[in-house]
C-alpha cells in the first residue's frame, strides 16, 4: 500500500510543480498538501483525491499540453517530444487516480477482517 501512496503523492507534486512554474503559490501549496488527506481513513477523502486527479488530468495536463503544442506549431519548433512527455505525465496521473481504488479496497478489506 505504501507504493500507492507514493504514486498519488508524486502525481500531486507534479501538478503542484506545474502551478509553481506559473507562480500560483496557493494552488501549488494546495496540491502539494492534498495527499495529507490520505491520513483521513474515510472513503470520501480518498474519493475526493481521486476526483481531483481525474479532473486535473483533463484540465491541467490536457489544456496545457494542447496550448504548448499549439505554441510549438506556431513557432515552427519540434513538438512531438513535448506531446509525448505531457502524455506520459497525464498517464501517470491517471494511474495515480486508479491507485486510489486500491487504497479504498484495502481499507474496506481491513475493516471487515476485524
PDB file of N, CA and C in Angstrom:
ATOM      1  N   UNK A   1       0.818  -1.196   0.000  1.00  0.00           N
ATOM      2  CA  UNK A   1       0.000   0.000   0.000  1.00  0.00           C
ATOM      3  C   UNK A   1       0.860   1.258   0.000  1.00  0.00           C
ATOM      4  N   UNK A   2       2.079   1.173   0.473  1.00  0.00           N
ATOM      5  CA  UNK A   2       2.944   2.349   0.531  1.00  0.00           C
ATOM      6  C   UNK A   2       3.259   2.867  -0.867  1.00  0.00           C
ATOM      7  N   UNK A   3       3.351   1.967  -1.844  1.00  0.00           N
ATOM      8  CA  UNK A   3       3.683   2.409  -3.197  1.00  0.00           C
ATOM      9  C   UNK A   3       2.512   3.147  -3.829  1.00  0.00           C
ATOM     10  N   UNK A   4       1.286   2.802  -3.449  1.00  0.00           N
ATOM     11  CA  UNK A   4       0.130   3.549  -3.955  1.00  0.00           C
ATOM     12  C   UNK A   4       0.147   4.977  -3.419  1.00  0.00           C
ATOM     13  N   UNK A   5       0.453   5.095  -2.144  1.00  0.00           N
ATOM     14  CA  UNK A   5       0.528   6.425  -1.533  1.00  0.00           C
ATOM     15  C   UNK A   5       1.647   7.239  -2.170  1.00  0.00           C
ATOM     16  N   UNK A   6       2.766   6.591  -2.469  1.00  0.00           N
ATOM     17  CA  UNK A   6       3.887   7.276  -3.115  1.00  0.00           C
ATOM     18  C   UNK A   6       3.506   7.773  -4.504  1.00  0.00           C
ATOM     19  N   UNK A   7       2.831   6.941  -5.286  1.00  0.00           N
ATOM     20  CA  UNK A   7       2.421   7.336  -6.642  1.00  0.00           C
ATOM     21  C   UNK A   7       1.434   8.499  -6.587  1.00  0.00           C
ATOM     22  N   UNK A   8       0.473   8.418  -5.678  1.00  0.00           N
ATOM     23  CA  UNK A   8      -0.514   9.502  -5.544  1.00  0.00           C
ATOM     24  C   UNK A   8       0.176  10.793  -5.119  1.00  0.00           C
ATOM     25  N   UNK A   9       1.092  10.699  -4.178  1.00  0.00           N
ATOM     26  CA  UNK A   9       1.813  11.895  -3.713  1.00  0.00           C
ATOM     27  C   UNK A   9       2.653  12.504  -4.827  1.00  0.00           C
ATOM     28  N   UNK A  10       3.326  11.669  -5.594  1.00  0.00           N
ATOM     29  CA  UNK A  10       4.134  12.184  -6.710  1.00  0.00           C
ATOM     30  C   UNK A  10       3.267  12.858  -7.770  1.00  0.00           C
ATOM     31  N   UNK A  11       2.097  12.298  -8.030  1.00  0.00           N
ATOM     32  CA  UNK A  11       1.201  12.912  -9.012  1.00  0.00           C
ATOM     33  C   UNK A  11       0.759  14.299  -8.551  1.00  0.00           C
ATOM     34  N   UNK A  12       0.422  14.416  -7.265  1.00  0.00           N
ATOM     35  CA  UNK A  12       0.026  15.730  -6.754  1.00  0.00           C
ATOM     36  C   UNK A  12       1.202  16.704  -6.747  1.00  0.00           C
ATOM     37  N   UNK A  13       2.392  16.217  -6.469  1.00  0.00           N
ATOM     38  CA  UNK A  13       3.567  17.095  -6.505  1.00  0.00           C
ATOM     39  C   UNK A  13       3.864  17.567  -7.928  1.00  0.00           C
ATOM     40  N   UNK A  14       3.646  16.708  -8.921  1.00  0.00           N
ATOM     41  CA  UNK A  14       3.824  17.125 -10.316  1.00  0.00           C
ATOM     42  C   UNK A  14       2.849  18.235 -10.693  1.00  0.00           C
ATOM     43  N   UNK A  15       1.601  18.082 -10.270  1.00  0.00           N
ATOM     44  CA  UNK A  15       0.609  19.120 -10.560  1.00  0.00           C
ATOM     45  C   UNK A  15       0.972  20.408  -9.824  1.00  0.00           C
ATOM     46  N   UNK A  16       1.410  20.276  -8.583  1.00  0.00           N
ATOM     47  CA  UNK A  16       1.842  21.453  -7.829  1.00  0.00           C
ATOM     48  C   UNK A  16       3.026  22.145  -8.474  1.00  0.00           C
ATOM     49  N   UNK A  17       3.976  21.363  -8.982  1.00  0.00           N
ATOM     50  CA  UNK A  17       5.136  21.949  -9.659  1.00  0.00           C
ATOM     51  C   UNK A  17       4.718  22.677 -10.931  1.00  0.00           C
ATOM     52  N   UNK A  18       3.704  22.152 -11.600  1.00  0.00           N
ATOM     53  CA  UNK A  18       3.204  22.824 -12.802  1.00  0.00           C
ATOM     54  C   UNK A  18       2.650  24.206 -12.451  1.00  0.00           C
ATOM     55  N   UNK A  19       1.897  24.288 -11.364  1.00  0.00           N
ATOM     56  CA  UNK A  19       1.359  25.581 -10.955  1.00  0.00           C
ATOM     57  C   UNK A  19       2.455  26.502 -10.432  1.00  0.00           C
ATOM     58  N   UNK A  20       3.468  25.938  -9.807  1.00  0.00           N
ATOM     59  CA  UNK A  20       4.585  26.740  -9.306  1.00  0.00           C
ATOM     60  C   UNK A  20       5.332  27.402 -10.462  1.00  0.00           C
ATOM     61  N   UNK A  21       5.378  26.710 -11.591  1.00  0.00           N
ATOM     62  CA  UNK A  21       6.060  27.248 -12.779  1.00  0.00           C
ATOM     63  C   UNK A  21       5.437  28.568 -13.227  1.00  0.00           C
ATOM     64  N   UNK A  22       4.132  28.686 -13.036  1.00  0.00           N
ATOM     65  CA  UNK A  22       3.432  29.899 -13.444  1.00  0.00           C
ATOM     66  C   UNK A  22       3.234  30.884 -12.295  1.00  0.00           C
ATOM     67  N   UNK A  23       3.770  30.574 -11.121  1.00  0.00           N
ATOM     68  CA  UNK A  23       3.731  31.497  -9.999  1.00  0.00           C
ATOM     69  C   UNK A  23       2.488  31.420  -9.139  1.00  0.00           C
ATOM     70  N   UNK A  24       1.696  30.373  -9.280  1.00  0.00           N
ATOM     71  CA  UNK A  24       0.493  30.211  -8.463  1.00  0.00           C
ATOM     72  C   UNK A  24       0.861  29.474  -7.176  1.00  0.00           C
ATOM     73  N   UNK A  25       1.329  30.233  -6.207  1.00  0.00           N
ATOM     74  CA  UNK A  25       1.838  29.650  -4.969  1.00  0.00           C
ATOM     75  C   UNK A  25       0.727  28.955  -4.179  1.00  0.00           C
ATOM     76  N   UNK A  26      -0.457  29.546  -4.117  1.00  0.00           N
ATOM     77  CA  UNK A  26      -1.554  28.954  -3.357  1.00  0.00           C
ATOM     78  C   UNK A  26      -1.971  27.614  -3.957  1.00  0.00           C
ATOM     79  N   UNK A  27      -2.149  27.574  -5.269  1.00  0.00           N
ATOM     80  CA  UNK A  27      -2.519  26.313  -5.924  1.00  0.00           C
ATOM     81  C   UNK A  27      -1.428  25.270  -5.740  1.00  0.00           C
ATOM     82  N   UNK A  28      -0.180  25.704  -5.832  1.00  0.00           N
ATOM     83  CA  UNK A  28       0.945  24.792  -5.623  1.00  0.00           C
ATOM     84  C   UNK A  28       0.900  24.206  -4.220  1.00  0.00           C
ATOM     85  N   UNK A  29       0.663  25.044  -3.242  1.00  0.00           N
ATOM     86  CA  UNK A  29       0.613  24.579  -1.850  1.00  0.00           C
ATOM     87  C   UNK A  29      -0.546  23.617  -1.620  1.00  0.00           C
ATOM     88  N   UNK A  30      -1.703  23.928  -2.195  1.00  0.00           N
ATOM     89  CA  UNK A  30      -2.865  23.059  -2.013  1.00  0.00           C
ATOM     90  C   UNK A  30      -2.634  21.678  -2.625  1.00  0.00           C
ATOM     91  N   UNK A  31      -2.064  21.652  -3.825  1.00  0.00           N
ATOM     92  CA  UNK A  31      -1.803  20.360  -4.457  1.00  0.00           C
ATOM     93  C   UNK A  31      -0.690  19.601  -3.746  1.00  0.00           C
ATOM     94  N   UNK A  32       0.283  20.310  -3.222  1.00  0.00           N
ATOM     95  CA  UNK A  32       1.372  19.635  -2.511  1.00  0.00           C
ATOM     96  C   UNK A  32       0.894  19.052  -1.181  1.00  0.00           C
ATOM     97  N   UNK A  33      -0.081  19.702  -0.553  1.00  0.00           N
ATOM     98  CA  UNK A  33      -0.585  19.229   0.741  1.00  0.00           C
ATOM     99  C   UNK A  33      -1.776  18.279   0.618  1.00  0.00           C
ATOM    100  N   UNK A  34      -2.344  18.161  -0.569  1.00  0.00           N
ATOM    101  CA  UNK A  34      -3.529  17.317  -0.763  1.00  0.00           C
ATOM    102  C   UNK A  34      -3.328  15.859  -0.356  1.00  0.00           C
ATOM    103  N   UNK A  35      -2.168  15.245  -0.602  1.00  0.00           N
ATOM    104  CA  UNK A  35      -2.020  13.839  -0.187  1.00  0.00           C
ATOM    105  C   UNK A  35      -2.137  13.616   1.320  1.00  0.00           C
ATOM    106  N   UNK A  36      -2.080  14.668   2.106  1.00  0.00           N
ATOM    107  CA  UNK A  36      -2.270  14.511   3.548  1.00  0.00           C
ATOM    108  C   UNK A  36      -3.686  14.034   3.877  1.00  0.00           C
ATOM    109  N   UNK A  37      -4.602  14.204   2.925  1.00  0.00           N
ATOM    110  CA  UNK A  37      -5.958  13.694   3.128  1.00  0.00           C
ATOM    111  C   UNK A  37      -5.985  12.171   3.207  1.00  0.00           C
ATOM    112  N   UNK A  38      -4.928  11.522   2.761  1.00  0.00           N
ATOM    113  CA  UNK A  38      -4.870  10.061   2.856  1.00  0.00           C
ATOM    114  C   UNK A  38      -4.800   9.591   4.306  1.00  0.00           C
ATOM    115  N   UNK A  39      -4.398  10.472   5.207  1.00  0.00           N
ATOM    116  CA  UNK A  39      -4.367  10.104   6.622  1.00  0.00           C
ATOM    117  C   UNK A  39      -5.770  10.024   7.219  1.00  0.00           C
ATOM    118  N   UNK A  40      -6.734  10.641   6.544  1.00  0.00           N
ATOM    119  CA  UNK A  40      -8.130  10.500   6.954  1.00  0.00           C
ATOM    120  C   UNK A  40      -8.616   9.183   6.367  1.00  0.00           C
ATOM    121  N   UNK A  41      -8.950   8.271   7.216  1.00  0.00           N
ATOM    122  CA  UNK A  41      -9.276   6.922   6.747  1.00  0.00           C
ATOM    123  C   UNK A  41     -10.753   6.793   6.386  1.00  0.00           C
ATOM    124  N   UNK A  42     -11.255   7.782   5.703  1.00  0.00           N
ATOM    125  CA  UNK A  42     -12.640   7.737   5.249  1.00  0.00           C
ATOM    126  C   UNK A  42     -12.647   7.609   3.733  1.00  0.00           C
ATOM    127  N   UNK A  43     -13.614   6.881   3.249  1.00  0.00           N
ATOM    128  CA  UNK A  43     -13.704   6.613   1.812  1.00  0.00           C
ATOM    129  C   UNK A  43     -13.864   7.903   0.999  1.00  0.00           C
ATOM    130  N   UNK A  44     -14.617   8.851   1.527  1.00  0.00           N
ATOM    131  CA  UNK A  44     -14.871  10.085   0.781  1.00  0.00           C
ATOM    132  C   UNK A  44     -13.616  10.938   0.612  1.00  0.00           C
ATOM    133  N   UNK A  45     -12.721  10.902   1.581  1.00  0.00           N
ATOM    134  CA  UNK A  45     -11.475  11.666   1.455  1.00  0.00           C
ATOM    135  C   UNK A  45     -10.640  11.126   0.300  1.00  0.00           C
ATOM    136  N   UNK A  46     -10.577   9.806   0.188  1.00  0.00           N
ATOM    137  CA  UNK A  46      -9.814   9.205  -0.906  1.00  0.00           C
ATOM    138  C   UNK A  46     -10.520   9.425  -2.238  1.00  0.00           C
ATOM    139  N   UNK A  47     -11.840   9.373  -2.244  1.00  0.00           N
ATOM    140  CA  UNK A  47     -12.591   9.644  -3.483  1.00  0.00           C
ATOM    141  C   UNK A  47     -12.398  11.095  -3.936  1.00  0.00           C
ATOM    142  N   UNK A  48     -12.294  12.010  -2.973  1.00  0.00           N
ATOM    143  CA  UNK A  48     -12.030  13.409  -3.315  1.00  0.00           C
ATOM    144  C   UNK A  48     -10.675  13.549  -3.999  1.00  0.00           C
ATOM    145  N   UNK A  49      -9.671  12.867  -3.469  1.00  0.00           N
ATOM    146  CA  UNK A  49      -8.350  12.893  -4.106  1.00  0.00           C
ATOM    147  C   UNK A  49      -8.410  12.284  -5.501  1.00  0.00           C
ATOM    148  N   UNK A  50      -9.146  11.197  -5.641  1.00  0.00           N
ATOM    149  CA  UNK A  50      -9.263  10.541  -6.939  1.00  0.00           C
ATOM    150  C   UNK A  50      -9.942  11.460  -7.955  1.00  0.00           C
ATOM    151  N   UNK A  51     -11.019  12.109  -7.545  1.00  0.00           N
ATOM    152  CA  UNK A  51     -11.714  13.033  -8.442  1.00  0.00           C
ATOM    153  C   UNK A  51     -10.815  14.207  -8.814  1.00  0.00           C
ATOM    154  N   UNK A  52     -10.046  14.692  -7.854  1.00  0.00           N
ATOM    155  CA  UNK A  52      -9.117  15.789  -8.130  1.00  0.00           C
ATOM    156  C   UNK A  52      -8.075  15.376  -9.161  1.00  0.00           C
ATOM    157  N   UNK A  53      -7.562  14.163  -9.041  1.00  0.00           N
ATOM    158  CA  UNK A  53      -6.574  13.687 -10.013  1.00  0.00           C
ATOM    159  C   UNK A  53      -7.188  13.539 -11.402  1.00  0.00           C
ATOM    160  N   UNK A  54      -8.407  13.019 -11.474  1.00  0.00           N
ATOM    161  CA  UNK A  54      -9.053  12.850 -12.777  1.00  0.00           C
ATOM    162  C   UNK A  54      -9.342  14.196 -13.442  1.00  0.00           C
ATOM    163  N   UNK A  55      -9.862  15.126 -12.663  1.00  0.00           N
ATOM    164  CA  UNK A  55     -10.154  16.456 -13.210  1.00  0.00           C
ATOM    165  C   UNK A  55      -8.865  17.166 -13.601  1.00  0.00           C
ATOM    166  N   UNK A  56      -7.829  17.008 -12.794  1.00  0.00           N
ATOM    167  CA  UNK A  56      -6.544  17.645 -13.099  1.00  0.00           C
ATOM    168  C   UNK A  56      -5.925  17.081 -14.373  1.00  0.00           C
ATOM    169  N   UNK A  57      -6.147  15.797 -14.618  1.00  0.00           N
ATOM    170  CA  UNK A  57      -5.623  15.216 -15.849  1.00  0.00           C
ATOM    171  C   UNK A  57      -6.197  15.933 -17.057  1.00  0.00           C
ATOM    172  N   UNK A  58      -7.489  16.172 -17.022  1.00  0.00           N
ATOM    173  CA  UNK A  58      -8.124  16.835 -18.159  1.00  0.00           C
ATOM    174  C   UNK A  58      -7.824  18.328 -18.210  1.00  0.00           C
ATOM    175  N   UNK A  59      -8.011  18.998 -17.082  1.00  0.00           N
ATOM    176  CA  UNK A  59      -7.927  20.455 -17.095  1.00  0.00           C
ATOM    177  C   UNK A  59      -6.512  21.001 -17.000  1.00  0.00           C
ATOM    178  N   UNK A  60      -5.615  20.271 -16.372  1.00  0.00           N
ATOM    179  CA  UNK A  60      -4.240  20.764 -16.256  1.00  0.00           C
ATOM    180  C   UNK A  60      -3.394  20.221 -17.393  1.00  0.00           C
ATOM    181  N   UNK A  61      -3.266  18.898 -17.457  1.00  0.00           N
ATOM    182  CA  UNK A  61      -2.362  18.324 -18.460  1.00  0.00           C
ATOM    183  C   UNK A  61      -2.952  18.387 -19.864  1.00  0.00           C
ATOM    184  N   UNK A  62      -4.260  18.196 -19.983  1.00  0.00           N
ATOM    185  CA  UNK A  62      -4.878  18.256 -21.304  1.00  0.00           C
ATOM    186  C   UNK A  62      -4.810  19.645 -21.917  1.00  0.00           C
ATOM    187  N   UNK A  63      -5.236  20.628 -21.159  1.00  0.00           N
ATOM    188  CA  UNK A  63      -5.245  22.006 -21.665  1.00  0.00           C
ATOM    189  C   UNK A  63      -3.820  22.526 -21.860  1.00  0.00           C
ATOM    190  N   UNK A  64      -2.950  22.277 -20.892  1.00  0.00           N
ATOM    191  CA  UNK A  64      -1.561  22.742 -21.016  1.00  0.00           C
ATOM    192  C   UNK A  64      -0.863  22.078 -22.191  1.00  0.00           C
ATOM    193  N   UNK A  65      -1.089  20.788 -22.341  1.00  0.00           N
ATOM    194  CA  UNK A  65      -0.477  20.079 -23.467  1.00  0.00           C
ATOM    195  C   UNK A  65      -0.943  20.631 -24.797  1.00  0.00           C
ATOM    196  N   UNK A  66      -2.233  20.870 -24.913  1.00  0.00           N
ATOM    197  CA  UNK A  66      -2.770  21.423 -26.156  1.00  0.00           C
ATOM    198  C   UNK A  66      -2.181  22.802 -26.443  1.00  0.00           C
ATOM    199  N   UNK A  67      -2.163  23.659 -25.423  1.00  0.00           N
ATOM    200  CA  UNK A  67      -1.643  25.015 -25.619  1.00  0.00           C
ATOM    201  C   UNK A  67      -0.151  25.012 -25.953  1.00  0.00           C
ATOM    202  N   UNK A  68       0.609  24.179 -25.276  1.00  0.00           N
ATOM    203  CA  UNK A  68       2.053  24.138 -25.533  1.00  0.00           C
ATOM    204  C   UNK A  68       2.364  23.577 -26.913  1.00  0.00           C
ATOM    205  N   UNK A  69       1.623  22.560 -27.330  1.00  0.00           N
ATOM    206  CA  UNK A  69       1.835  22.010 -28.678  1.00  0.00           C
ATOM    207  C   UNK A  69       1.445  23.045 -29.724  1.00  0.00           C
ATOM    208  N   UNK A  70       0.341  23.750 -29.508  1.00  0.00           N
ATOM    209  CA  UNK A  70      -0.061  24.788 -30.462  1.00  0.00           C
ATOM    210  C   UNK A  70       0.986  25.891 -30.555  1.00  0.00           C
ATOM    211  N   UNK A  71       1.553  26.264 -29.407  1.00  0.00           N
ATOM    212  CA  UNK A  71       2.597  27.285 -29.406  1.00  0.00           C
ATOM    213  C   UNK A  71       3.815  26.809 -30.200  1.00  0.00           C
ATOM    214  N   UNK A  72       4.191  25.546 -30.006  1.00  0.00           N
ATOM    215  CA  UNK A  72       5.335  24.999 -30.742  1.00  0.00           C
ATOM    216  C   UNK A  72       5.054  24.950 -32.239  1.00  0.00           C
ATOM    217  N   UNK A  73       3.840  24.602 -32.609  1.00  0.00           N
ATOM    218  CA  UNK A  73       3.497  24.550 -34.029  1.00  0.00           C
ATOM    219  C   UNK A  73       3.556  25.933 -34.668  1.00  0.00           C
ATOM    220  N   UNK A  74       3.053  26.938 -33.961  1.00  0.00           N
ATOM    221  CA  UNK A  74       3.077  28.305 -34.486  1.00  0.00           C
ATOM    222  C   UNK A  74       4.512  28.791 -34.659  1.00  0.00           C
ATOM    223  N   UNK A  75       5.371  28.436 -33.709  1.00  0.00           N
ATOM    224  CA  UNK A  75       6.770  28.861 -33.767  1.00  0.00           C
ATOM    225  C   UNK A  75       7.623  27.954 -34.656  1.00  0.00           C
ATOM    226  N   UNK A  76       6.972  26.964 -35.270  1.00  0.00           N
ATOM    227  CA  UNK A  76       7.648  26.007 -36.148  1.00  0.00           C
ATOM    228  C   UNK A  76       8.813  25.319 -35.444  1.00  0.00           C
ATOM    229  N   UNK A  77       8.571  24.902 -34.220  1.00  0.00           N
ATOM    230  CA  UNK A  77       9.551  24.157 -33.439  1.00  0.00           C
ATOM    231  C   UNK A  77       9.065  22.718 -33.289  1.00  0.00           C
ATOM    232  N   UNK A  78       9.972  21.801 -32.980  1.00  0.00           N
ATOM    233  CA  UNK A  78       9.535  20.415 -32.790  1.00  0.00           C
ATOM    234  C   UNK A  78       8.595  20.292 -31.588  1.00  0.00           C
ATOM    235  N   UNK A  79       7.539  19.515 -31.765  1.00  0.00           N
ATOM    236  CA  UNK A  79       6.532  19.403 -30.725  1.00  0.00           C
ATOM    237  C   UNK A  79       6.280  17.966 -30.286  1.00  0.00           C
ATOM    238  N   UNK A  80       6.801  17.003 -30.999  1.00  0.00           N
ATOM    239  CA  UNK A  80       6.497  15.605 -30.722  1.00  0.00           C
ATOM    240  C   UNK A  80       6.994  15.167 -29.341  1.00  0.00           C
ATOM    241  N   UNK A  81       8.205  15.549 -28.981  1.00  0.00           N
ATOM    242  CA  UNK A  81       8.745  15.175 -27.673  1.00  0.00           C
ATOM    243  C   UNK A  81       7.906  15.794 -26.554  1.00  0.00           C
ATOM    244  N   UNK A  82       7.505  17.047 -26.734  1.00  0.00           N
ATOM    245  CA  UNK A  82       6.647  17.708 -25.754  1.00  0.00           C
ATOM    246  C   UNK A  82       5.334  16.957 -25.598  1.00  0.00           C
ATOM    247  N   UNK A  83       4.736  16.569 -26.703  1.00  0.00           N
ATOM    248  CA  UNK A  83       3.486  15.820 -26.652  1.00  0.00           C
ATOM    249  C   UNK A  83       3.631  14.486 -25.950  1.00  0.00           C
ATOM    250  N   UNK A  84       4.755  13.819 -26.179  1.00  0.00           N
ATOM    251  CA  UNK A  84       4.990  12.528 -25.532  1.00  0.00           C
ATOM    252  C   UNK A  84       5.185  12.699 -24.025  1.00  0.00           C
ATOM    253  N   UNK A  85       5.895  13.742 -23.628  1.00  0.00           N
ATOM    254  CA  UNK A  85       6.130  13.977 -22.197  1.00  0.00           C
ATOM    255  C   UNK A  85       4.821  14.314 -21.486  1.00  0.00           C
ATOM    256  N   UNK A  86       4.026  15.200 -22.071  1.00  0.00           N
ATOM    257  CA  UNK A  86       2.738  15.563 -21.462  1.00  0.00           C
ATOM    258  C   UNK A  86       1.819  14.343 -21.404  1.00  0.00           C
ATOM    259  N   UNK A  87       1.844  13.517 -22.449  1.00  0.00           N
ATOM    260  CA  UNK A  87       1.025  12.299 -22.446  1.00  0.00           C
ATOM    261  C   UNK A  87       1.471  11.340 -21.353  1.00  0.00           C
ATOM    262  N   UNK A  88       2.776  11.217 -21.153  1.00  0.00           N
ATOM    263  CA  UNK A  88       3.290  10.336 -20.102  1.00  0.00           C
ATOM    264  C   UNK A  88       2.898  10.850 -18.719  1.00  0.00           C
ATOM    265  N   UNK A  89       2.970  12.154 -18.525  1.00  0.00           N
ATOM    266  CA  UNK A  89       2.593  12.733 -17.229  1.00  0.00           C
ATOM    267  C   UNK A  89       1.093  12.562 -16.992  1.00  0.00           C
ATOM    268  N   UNK A  90       0.285  12.757 -18.028  1.00  0.00           N
ATOM    269  CA  UNK A  90      -1.161  12.562 -17.889  1.00  0.00           C
ATOM    270  C   UNK A  90      -1.481  11.096 -17.589  1.00  0.00           C
ATOM    271  N   UNK A  91      -0.782  10.186 -18.238  1.00  0.00           N
ATOM    272  CA  UNK A  91      -0.981   8.756 -17.968  1.00  0.00           C
ATOM    273  C   UNK A  91      -0.591   8.413 -16.537  1.00  0.00           C
ATOM    274  N   UNK A  92       0.512   8.974 -16.069  1.00  0.00           N
ATOM    275  CA  UNK A  92       0.936   8.748 -14.686  1.00  0.00           C
ATOM    276  C   UNK A  92      -0.119   9.258 -13.708  1.00  0.00           C
ATOM    277  N   UNK A  93      -0.715  10.402 -14.011  1.00  0.00           N
ATOM    278  CA  UNK A  93      -1.754  10.952 -13.142  1.00  0.00           C
ATOM    279  C   UNK A  93      -2.987  10.053 -13.136  1.00  0.00           C
ATOM    280  N   UNK A  94      -3.331   9.489 -14.293  1.00  0.00           N
ATOM    281  CA  UNK A  94      -4.458   8.555 -14.348  1.00  0.00           C
ATOM    282  C   UNK A  94      -4.160   7.274 -13.568  1.00  0.00           C
ATOM    283  N   UNK A  95      -2.921   6.805 -13.639  1.00  0.00           N
ATOM    284  CA  UNK A  95      -2.526   5.627 -12.859  1.00  0.00           C
ATOM    285  C   UNK A  95      -2.637   5.932 -11.364  1.00  0.00           C
ATOM    286  N   UNK A  96      -2.251   7.142 -10.980  1.00  0.00           N
ATOM    287  CA  UNK A  96      -2.373   7.539  -9.572  1.00  0.00           C
ATOM    288  C   UNK A  96      -3.839   7.559  -9.147  1.00  0.00           C
ATOM    289  N   UNK A  97      -4.718   8.018 -10.033  1.00  0.00           N
ATOM    290  CA  UNK A  97      -6.148   8.010  -9.710  1.00  0.00           C
ATOM    291  C   UNK A  97      -6.655   6.581  -9.545  1.00  0.00           C
ATOM    292  N   UNK A  98      -6.146   5.671 -10.358  1.00  0.00           N
ATOM    293  CA  UNK A  98      -6.537   4.260 -10.230  1.00  0.00           C
ATOM    294  C   UNK A  98      -6.006   3.659  -8.931  1.00  0.00           C
ATOM    295  N   UNK A  99      -4.876   4.131  -8.460  1.00  0.00           N
ATOM    296  CA  UNK A  99      -4.317   3.635  -7.192  1.00  0.00           C
ATOM    297  C   UNK A  99      -5.222   3.972  -6.011  1.00  0.00           C
ATOM    298  N   UNK A 100      -6.023   5.008  -6.149  1.00  0.00           N
ATOM    299  CA  UNK A 100      -6.962   5.350  -5.075  1.00  0.00           C
ATOM    300  C   UNK A 100      -7.965   4.224  -4.851  1.00  0.00           C
ATOM    301  N   UNK A 101      -8.357   3.534  -5.932  1.00  0.00           N
ATOM    302  CA  UNK A 101      -9.272   2.401  -5.778  1.00  0.00           C
ATOM    303  C   UNK A 101      -8.652   1.307  -4.922  1.00  0.00           C
ATOM    304  N   UNK A 102      -7.361   1.066  -5.112  1.00  0.00           N
ATOM    305  CA  UNK A 102      -6.676   0.052  -4.320  1.00  0.00           C
ATOM    306  C   UNK A 102      -6.620   0.404  -2.848  1.00  0.00           C
ATOM    307  N   UNK A 103      -6.420   1.674  -2.550  1.00  0.00           N
ATOM    308  CA  UNK A 103      -6.380   2.109  -1.149  1.00  0.00           C
ATOM    309  C   UNK A 103      -7.746   1.924  -0.501  1.00  0.00           C
ATOM    310  N   UNK A 104      -8.799   2.296  -1.222  1.00  0.00           N
ATOM    311  CA  UNK A 104     -10.150   2.134  -0.678  1.00  0.00           C
ATOM    312  C   UNK A 104     -10.456   0.657  -0.454  1.00  0.00           C
ATOM    313  N   UNK A 105     -10.094  -0.189  -1.410  1.00  0.00           N
ATOM    314  CA  UNK A 105     -10.349  -1.626  -1.271  1.00  0.00           C
ATOM    315  C   UNK A 105      -9.590  -2.211  -0.085  1.00  0.00           C
ATOM    316  N   UNK A 106      -8.331  -1.802   0.093  1.00  0.00           N
ATOM    317  CA  UNK A 106      -7.537  -2.301   1.228  1.00  0.00           C
ATOM    318  C   UNK A 106      -8.163  -1.891   2.555  1.00  0.00           C
ATOM    319  N   UNK A 107      -8.629  -0.650   2.636  1.00  0.00           N
ATOM    320  CA  UNK A 107      -9.221  -0.170   3.885  1.00  0.00           C
ATOM    321  C   UNK A 107     -10.535  -0.880   4.182  1.00  0.00           C
ATOM    322  N   UNK A 108     -11.334  -1.130   3.143  1.00  0.00           N
ATOM    323  CA  UNK A 108     -12.587  -1.848   3.359  1.00  0.00           C
ATOM    324  C   UNK A 108     -12.326  -3.292   3.760  1.00  0.00           C
ATOM    325  N   UNK A 109     -11.312  -3.900   3.155  1.00  0.00           N
ATOM    326  CA  UNK A 109     -10.958  -5.278   3.484  1.00  0.00           C
ATOM    327  C   UNK A 109     -10.446  -5.373   4.920  1.00  0.00           C
ATOM    328  N   UNK A 110      -9.635  -4.409   5.333  1.00  0.00           N
ATOM    329  CA  UNK A 110      -9.111  -4.402   6.698  1.00  0.00           C
ATOM    330  C   UNK A 110     -10.233  -4.185   7.712  1.00  0.00           C
ATOM    331  N   UNK A 111     -11.224  -3.411   7.342  1.00  0.00           N
ATOM    332  CA  UNK A 111     -12.337  -3.139   8.246  1.00  0.00           C
ATOM    333  C   UNK A 111     -13.204  -4.383   8.440  1.00  0.00           C
ATOM    334  N   UNK A 112     -13.367  -5.199   7.402  1.00  0.00           N
ATOM    335  CA  UNK A 112     -14.224  -6.377   7.516  1.00  0.00           C
ATOM    336  C   UNK A 112     -13.527  -7.542   8.208  1.00  0.00           C
ATOM    337  N   UNK A 113     -12.194  -7.526   8.281  1.00  0.00           N
ATOM    338  CA  UNK A 113     -11.479  -8.617   8.929  1.00  0.00           C
ATOM    339  C   UNK A 113     -11.615  -8.584  10.441  1.00  0.00           C
ATOM    340  N   UNK A 114     -11.787  -7.427  11.004  1.00  0.00           N
ATOM    341  CA  UNK A 114     -11.826  -7.327  12.464  1.00  0.00           C
ATOM    342  C   UNK A 114     -13.196  -7.010  12.927  1.00  0.00           C
TER     343      UNK A 114
END
